[in-house]
Amino acid sequence: MGRGDYLGEFEQIVLLAVARLDDEAYGMRIRAEIEERAGRRASIGAVYSTLERLVSKGLAREMDTPGGSERSGLARRFYAVTPAGRTALAAARDVQARMWAGLTLKVSRRKP
């Protein structure tokens, strides 16, 4: 993997949310998944800019679907992880596993 091939932390989280949501991966659902599973607040703007970056890197793809009456005909954009995205996620998982292997952290109970 080249220097630009590594996923940042938030890119990993967004891509994992897309993978988890499968056919239901659209902006607000992705944001809710991140907040629920990661316990981390995420602005919808940060989610969409990260999705755009992942699409431009070829790690995710986007598909627009026509909106029904519940959305006043507005289209909804769905996302999916590409094969390259799955490879990048697996590589990120493997790097973290190698870095954590044999490491024991002592957590201080003192306040900084």
N, C-alpha and C. Protein backbone atom coordinates (compact mmCIF):
# COMPACT_ATOMS: atom_id res chain seq x y z
N MET A 1 0.84 -1.18 0.00
CA MET A 1 0.00 0.00 0.00
C MET A 1 0.88 1.25 0.00
N GLY A 2 0.52 2.20 -0.83
CA GLY A 2 1.24 3.46 -0.87
C GLY A 2 0.83 4.38 0.26
N ARG A 3 1.51 5.49 0.37
CA ARG A 3 1.28 6.43 1.46
C ARG A 3 -0.17 6.91 1.50
N GLY A 4 -0.77 7.20 0.37
CA GLY A 4 -2.13 7.72 0.32
C GLY A 4 -3.21 6.65 0.40
N ASP A 5 -2.81 5.39 0.54
CA ASP A 5 -3.78 4.30 0.53
C ASP A 5 -4.37 3.99 1.90
N TYR A 6 -3.81 4.57 2.96
CA TYR A 6 -4.29 4.24 4.30
C TYR A 6 -5.53 5.03 4.64
N LEU A 7 -6.42 4.39 5.38
CA LEU A 7 -7.65 5.05 5.81
C LEU A 7 -7.41 5.79 7.11
N GLY A 8 -7.93 7.00 7.19
CA GLY A 8 -7.94 7.73 8.45
C GLY A 8 -8.98 7.12 9.37
N GLU A 9 -8.93 7.50 10.64
CA GLU A 9 -9.86 6.93 11.62
C GLU A 9 -11.32 7.18 11.24
N PHE A 10 -11.66 8.41 10.89
CA PHE A 10 -13.06 8.70 10.57
C PHE A 10 -13.46 8.04 9.25
N GLU A 11 -12.53 7.95 8.30
CA GLU A 11 -12.83 7.23 7.06
C GLU A 11 -13.18 5.77 7.36
N GLN A 12 -12.42 5.14 8.25
CA GLN A 12 -12.71 3.76 8.63
C GLN A 12 -14.10 3.65 9.25
N ILE A 13 -14.40 4.56 10.16
CA ILE A 13 -15.69 4.51 10.85
C ILE A 13 -16.84 4.68 9.86
N VAL A 14 -16.71 5.63 8.94
CA VAL A 14 -17.76 5.86 7.94
C VAL A 14 -17.90 4.64 7.04
N LEU A 15 -16.79 4.10 6.56
CA LEU A 15 -16.83 2.95 5.67
C LEU A 15 -17.42 1.72 6.38
N LEU A 16 -17.07 1.54 7.65
CA LEU A 16 -17.66 0.44 8.43
C LEU A 16 -19.17 0.63 8.61
N ALA A 17 -19.60 1.85 8.82
CA ALA A 17 -21.04 2.12 8.95
C ALA A 17 -21.75 1.80 7.64
N VAL A 18 -21.16 2.17 6.52
CA VAL A 18 -21.75 1.85 5.21
C VAL A 18 -21.86 0.33 5.06
N ALA A 19 -20.81 -0.38 5.41
CA ALA A 19 -20.83 -1.85 5.29
C ALA A 19 -21.91 -2.45 6.19
N ARG A 20 -22.04 -1.95 7.41
CA ARG A 20 -23.03 -2.48 8.35
C ARG A 20 -24.46 -2.23 7.87
N LEU A 21 -24.68 -1.06 7.29
CA LEU A 21 -26.04 -0.69 6.87
C LEU A 21 -26.46 -1.34 5.56
N ASP A 22 -25.51 -1.83 4.80
CA ASP A 22 -25.77 -2.55 3.55
C ASP A 22 -26.67 -1.71 2.63
N ASP A 23 -27.87 -2.19 2.32
CA ASP A 23 -28.76 -1.50 1.37
C ASP A 23 -29.42 -0.25 1.95
N GLU A 24 -29.23 0.04 3.20
CA GLU A 24 -29.85 1.20 3.85
C GLU A 24 -28.84 2.30 4.16
N ALA A 25 -27.70 2.30 3.47
CA ALA A 25 -26.63 3.26 3.77
C ALA A 25 -26.84 4.57 3.02
N TYR A 26 -27.48 5.52 3.68
CA TYR A 26 -27.59 6.88 3.16
C TYR A 26 -27.20 7.83 4.29
N GLY A 27 -26.93 9.07 3.97
CA GLY A 27 -26.34 10.03 4.88
C GLY A 27 -26.80 10.01 6.32
N MET A 28 -28.07 10.25 6.55
CA MET A 28 -28.57 10.35 7.93
C MET A 28 -28.50 9.00 8.66
N ARG A 29 -28.73 7.91 7.95
CA ARG A 29 -28.61 6.58 8.58
C ARG A 29 -27.16 6.29 8.93
N ILE A 30 -26.23 6.69 8.08
CA ILE A 30 -24.80 6.49 8.35
C ILE A 30 -24.42 7.29 9.60
N ARG A 31 -24.86 8.53 9.65
CA ARG A 31 -24.58 9.38 10.82
C ARG A 31 -25.12 8.75 12.10
N ALA A 32 -26.36 8.27 12.06
CA ALA A 32 -26.97 7.65 13.24
C ALA A 32 -26.22 6.39 13.65
N GLU A 33 -25.78 5.61 12.69
CA GLU A 33 -25.02 4.38 12.97
C GLU A 33 -23.70 4.71 13.67
N ILE A 34 -23.04 5.75 13.22
CA ILE A 34 -21.78 6.17 13.84
C ILE A 34 -22.03 6.61 15.27
N GLU A 35 -23.06 7.42 15.47
CA GLU A 35 -23.34 7.93 16.81
C GLU A 35 -23.73 6.80 17.75
N GLU A 36 -24.51 5.84 17.25
CA GLU A 36 -24.96 4.73 18.09
C GLU A 36 -23.83 3.75 18.42
N ARG A 37 -23.11 3.31 17.41
CA ARG A 37 -22.10 2.26 17.61
C ARG A 37 -20.78 2.79 18.14
N ALA A 38 -20.35 3.95 17.65
CA ALA A 38 -19.05 4.48 18.06
C ALA A 38 -19.18 5.39 19.28
N GLY A 39 -20.41 5.78 19.59
CA GLY A 39 -20.60 6.70 20.71
C GLY A 39 -19.95 8.04 20.44
N ARG A 40 -19.95 8.43 19.19
CA ARG A 40 -19.24 9.63 18.75
C ARG A 40 -20.19 10.49 17.95
N ARG A 41 -20.26 11.76 18.30
CA ARG A 41 -21.09 12.69 17.53
C ARG A 41 -20.43 12.95 16.19
N ALA A 42 -21.23 13.04 15.16
CA ALA A 42 -20.71 13.30 13.82
C ALA A 42 -21.65 14.27 13.12
N SER A 43 -21.11 15.35 12.60
CA SER A 43 -21.96 16.27 11.85
C SER A 43 -22.28 15.65 10.50
N ILE A 44 -23.44 15.98 9.96
CA ILE A 44 -23.81 15.42 8.67
C ILE A 44 -22.86 15.93 7.58
N GLY A 45 -22.33 17.14 7.75
CA GLY A 45 -21.35 17.68 6.80
C GLY A 45 -20.07 16.87 6.78
N ALA A 46 -19.60 16.46 7.96
CA ALA A 46 -18.38 15.64 8.04
C ALA A 46 -18.62 14.28 7.41
N VAL A 47 -19.81 13.72 7.62
CA VAL A 47 -20.14 12.42 7.03
C VAL A 47 -20.14 12.53 5.51
N TYR A 48 -20.83 13.55 4.97
CA TYR A 48 -20.90 13.68 3.51
C TYR A 48 -19.54 14.00 2.89
N SER A 49 -18.73 14.84 3.52
CA SER A 49 -17.42 15.13 2.92
C SER A 49 -16.54 13.89 2.94
N THR A 50 -16.66 13.07 3.99
CA THR A 50 -15.89 11.83 4.05
C THR A 50 -16.39 10.84 3.00
N LEU A 51 -17.70 10.76 2.82
CA LEU A 51 -18.26 9.88 1.78
C LEU A 51 -17.76 10.31 0.40
N GLU A 52 -17.73 11.61 0.13
CA GLU A 52 -17.22 12.10 -1.15
C GLU A 52 -15.77 11.68 -1.36
N ARG A 53 -14.97 11.80 -0.31
CA ARG A 53 -13.56 11.42 -0.39
C ARG A 53 -13.42 9.92 -0.65
N LEU A 54 -14.22 9.11 0.04
CA LEU A 54 -14.17 7.66 -0.15
C LEU A 54 -14.59 7.27 -1.57
N VAL A 55 -15.60 7.97 -2.10
CA VAL A 55 -16.02 7.71 -3.48
C VAL A 55 -14.90 8.10 -4.44
N SER A 56 -14.27 9.25 -4.22
CA SER A 56 -13.20 9.70 -5.13
C SER A 56 -11.98 8.76 -5.09
N LYS A 57 -11.77 8.10 -3.94
CA LYS A 57 -10.68 7.13 -3.81
C LYS A 57 -11.06 5.76 -4.37
N GLY A 58 -12.32 5.58 -4.75
CA GLY A 58 -12.78 4.30 -5.28
C GLY A 58 -13.09 3.28 -4.20
N LEU A 59 -13.22 3.72 -2.95
CA LEU A 59 -13.48 2.80 -1.84
C LEU A 59 -14.97 2.65 -1.54
N ALA A 60 -15.77 3.55 -2.08
CA ALA A 60 -17.22 3.49 -1.94
C ALA A 60 -17.82 3.94 -3.26
N ARG A 61 -19.05 3.58 -3.48
CA ARG A 61 -19.76 4.07 -4.67
C ARG A 61 -21.09 4.63 -4.22
N GLU A 62 -21.65 5.51 -5.02
CA GLU A 62 -22.93 6.13 -4.69
C GLU A 62 -23.94 5.83 -5.77
N MET A 63 -25.19 5.71 -5.35
CA MET A 63 -26.29 5.46 -6.27
C MET A 63 -27.47 6.32 -5.85
N ASP A 64 -28.02 7.08 -6.80
CA ASP A 64 -29.22 7.87 -6.52
C ASP A 64 -30.45 7.04 -6.84
N THR A 65 -31.44 7.09 -5.95
CA THR A 65 -32.70 6.40 -6.19
C THR A 65 -33.81 7.42 -6.19
N PRO A 66 -34.80 7.24 -7.05
CA PRO A 66 -35.90 8.20 -7.09
C PRO A 66 -36.66 8.21 -5.76
N GLY A 67 -37.11 9.38 -5.38
CA GLY A 67 -37.86 9.50 -4.14
C GLY A 67 -39.34 9.23 -4.34
N GLY A 68 -39.96 8.71 -3.31
CA GLY A 68 -41.39 8.45 -3.35
C GLY A 68 -42.16 9.62 -2.77
N SER A 69 -43.43 9.39 -2.54
CA SER A 69 -44.29 10.46 -2.02
C SER A 69 -43.88 10.90 -0.62
N GLU A 70 -43.30 9.99 0.18
CA GLU A 70 -42.87 10.35 1.54
C GLU A 70 -41.72 11.36 1.52
N ARG A 71 -41.02 11.48 0.40
CA ARG A 71 -39.92 12.45 0.28
C ARG A 71 -40.24 13.51 -0.77
N SER A 72 -41.51 13.67 -1.10
CA SER A 72 -41.95 14.66 -2.10
C SER A 72 -41.20 14.51 -3.42
N GLY A 73 -40.86 13.28 -3.76
CA GLY A 73 -40.19 12.99 -5.02
C GLY A 73 -38.69 13.24 -5.01
N LEU A 74 -38.14 13.68 -3.88
CA LEU A 74 -36.69 13.93 -3.82
C LEU A 74 -35.91 12.62 -3.85
N ALA A 75 -34.85 12.61 -4.64
CA ALA A 75 -34.01 11.41 -4.73
C ALA A 75 -33.23 11.23 -3.43
N ARG A 76 -32.85 10.00 -3.16
CA ARG A 76 -32.01 9.70 -2.00
C ARG A 76 -30.75 9.04 -2.54
N ARG A 77 -29.58 9.44 -1.98
CA ARG A 77 -28.30 8.89 -2.41
C ARG A 77 -27.87 7.81 -1.42
N PHE A 78 -27.68 6.61 -1.95
CA PHE A 78 -27.22 5.48 -1.15
C PHE A 78 -25.75 5.20 -1.47
N TYR A 79 -25.07 4.57 -0.51
CA TYR A 79 -23.64 4.28 -0.65
C TYR A 79 -23.40 2.79 -0.42
N ALA A 80 -22.35 2.28 -1.05
CA ALA A 80 -21.94 0.89 -0.86
C ALA A 80 -20.41 0.83 -0.86
N VAL A 81 -19.88 -0.15 -0.17
CA VAL A 81 -18.43 -0.36 -0.13
C VAL A 81 -18.03 -1.13 -1.38
N THR A 82 -17.00 -0.66 -2.04
CA THR A 82 -16.50 -1.35 -3.24
C THR A 82 -15.53 -2.46 -2.82
N PRO A 83 -15.17 -3.34 -3.75
CA PRO A 83 -14.15 -4.35 -3.42
C PRO A 83 -12.84 -3.70 -2.91
N ALA A 84 -12.44 -2.58 -3.50
CA ALA A 84 -11.23 -1.88 -3.02
C ALA A 84 -11.44 -1.36 -1.60
N GLY A 85 -12.66 -0.95 -1.28
CA GLY A 85 -12.97 -0.50 0.07
C GLY A 85 -12.89 -1.63 1.08
N ARG A 86 -13.36 -2.79 0.69
CA ARG A 86 -13.27 -3.97 1.57
C ARG A 86 -11.81 -4.34 1.82
N THR A 87 -11.01 -4.26 0.77
CA THR A 87 -9.57 -4.54 0.90
C THR A 87 -8.91 -3.53 1.84
N ALA A 88 -9.26 -2.25 1.69
CA ALA A 88 -8.69 -1.21 2.55
C ALA A 88 -9.09 -1.40 4.00
N LEU A 89 -10.35 -1.78 4.25
CA LEU A 89 -10.79 -2.04 5.62
C LEU A 89 -10.05 -3.23 6.23
N ALA A 90 -9.89 -4.28 5.45
CA ALA A 90 -9.17 -5.45 5.95
C ALA A 90 -7.71 -5.10 6.25
N ALA A 91 -7.10 -4.31 5.39
CA ALA A 91 -5.71 -3.90 5.62
C ALA A 91 -5.60 -3.05 6.88
N ALA A 92 -6.55 -2.15 7.09
CA ALA A 92 -6.53 -1.30 8.30
C ALA A 92 -6.70 -2.16 9.55
N ARG A 93 -7.58 -3.13 9.49
CA ARG A 93 -7.77 -4.05 10.62
C ARG A 93 -6.49 -4.83 10.90
N ASP A 94 -5.84 -5.31 9.86
CA ASP A 94 -4.62 -6.10 10.02
C ASP A 94 -3.48 -5.27 10.60
N VAL A 95 -3.34 -4.01 10.15
CA VAL A 95 -2.30 -3.13 10.68
C VAL A 95 -2.54 -2.90 12.17
N GLN A 96 -3.78 -2.62 12.54
CA GLN A 96 -4.07 -2.38 13.96
C GLN A 96 -3.81 -3.64 14.79
N ALA A 97 -4.17 -4.78 14.27
CA ALA A 97 -3.93 -6.03 15.01
C ALA A 97 -2.43 -6.24 15.23
N ARG A 98 -1.62 -5.98 14.21
CA ARG A 98 -0.18 -6.13 14.36
C ARG A 98 0.38 -5.13 15.36
N MET A 99 -0.13 -3.92 15.35
CA MET A 99 0.36 -2.89 16.28
C MET A 99 -0.06 -3.21 17.71
N TRP A 100 -1.23 -3.78 17.92
CA TRP A 100 -1.71 -4.11 19.26
C TRP A 100 -1.12 -5.41 19.80
N ALA A 101 -0.65 -6.27 18.92
CA ALA A 101 -0.15 -7.58 19.34
C ALA A 101 0.93 -7.44 20.41
N GLY A 102 0.71 -8.06 21.54
CA GLY A 102 1.67 -8.08 22.62
C GLY A 102 1.76 -6.81 23.44
N LEU A 103 0.95 -5.83 23.14
CA LEU A 103 1.00 -4.55 23.85
C LEU A 103 0.01 -4.54 25.01
N THR A 104 0.51 -4.17 26.17
CA THR A 104 -0.35 -4.02 27.34
C THR A 104 -0.25 -2.57 27.80
N LEU A 105 -1.37 -1.90 27.88
CA LEU A 105 -1.37 -0.51 28.33
C LEU A 105 -1.82 -0.44 29.77
N LYS A 106 -1.13 0.35 30.52
CA LYS A 106 -1.55 0.62 31.90
C LYS A 106 -2.33 1.92 31.89
N VAL A 107 -3.53 1.87 32.39
CA VAL A 107 -4.38 3.04 32.39
C VAL A 107 -4.26 3.71 33.75
N SER A 108 -3.90 4.98 33.73
CA SER A 108 -3.77 5.74 34.97
C SER A 108 -5.14 6.21 35.42
N ARG A 109 -5.39 6.10 36.69
CA ARG A 109 -6.67 6.53 37.26
C ARG A 109 -6.62 8.00 37.70
N ARG A 110 -5.41 8.58 37.63
CA ARG A 110 -5.27 9.98 38.03
C ARG A 110 -5.79 10.89 36.94
N LYS A 111 -6.29 12.04 37.36
CA LYS A 111 -6.72 13.05 36.39
C LYS A 111 -5.49 13.82 35.94
N PRO A 112 -5.44 14.15 34.66
CA PRO A 112 -4.25 14.85 34.13
C PRO A 112 -4.06 16.22 34.74
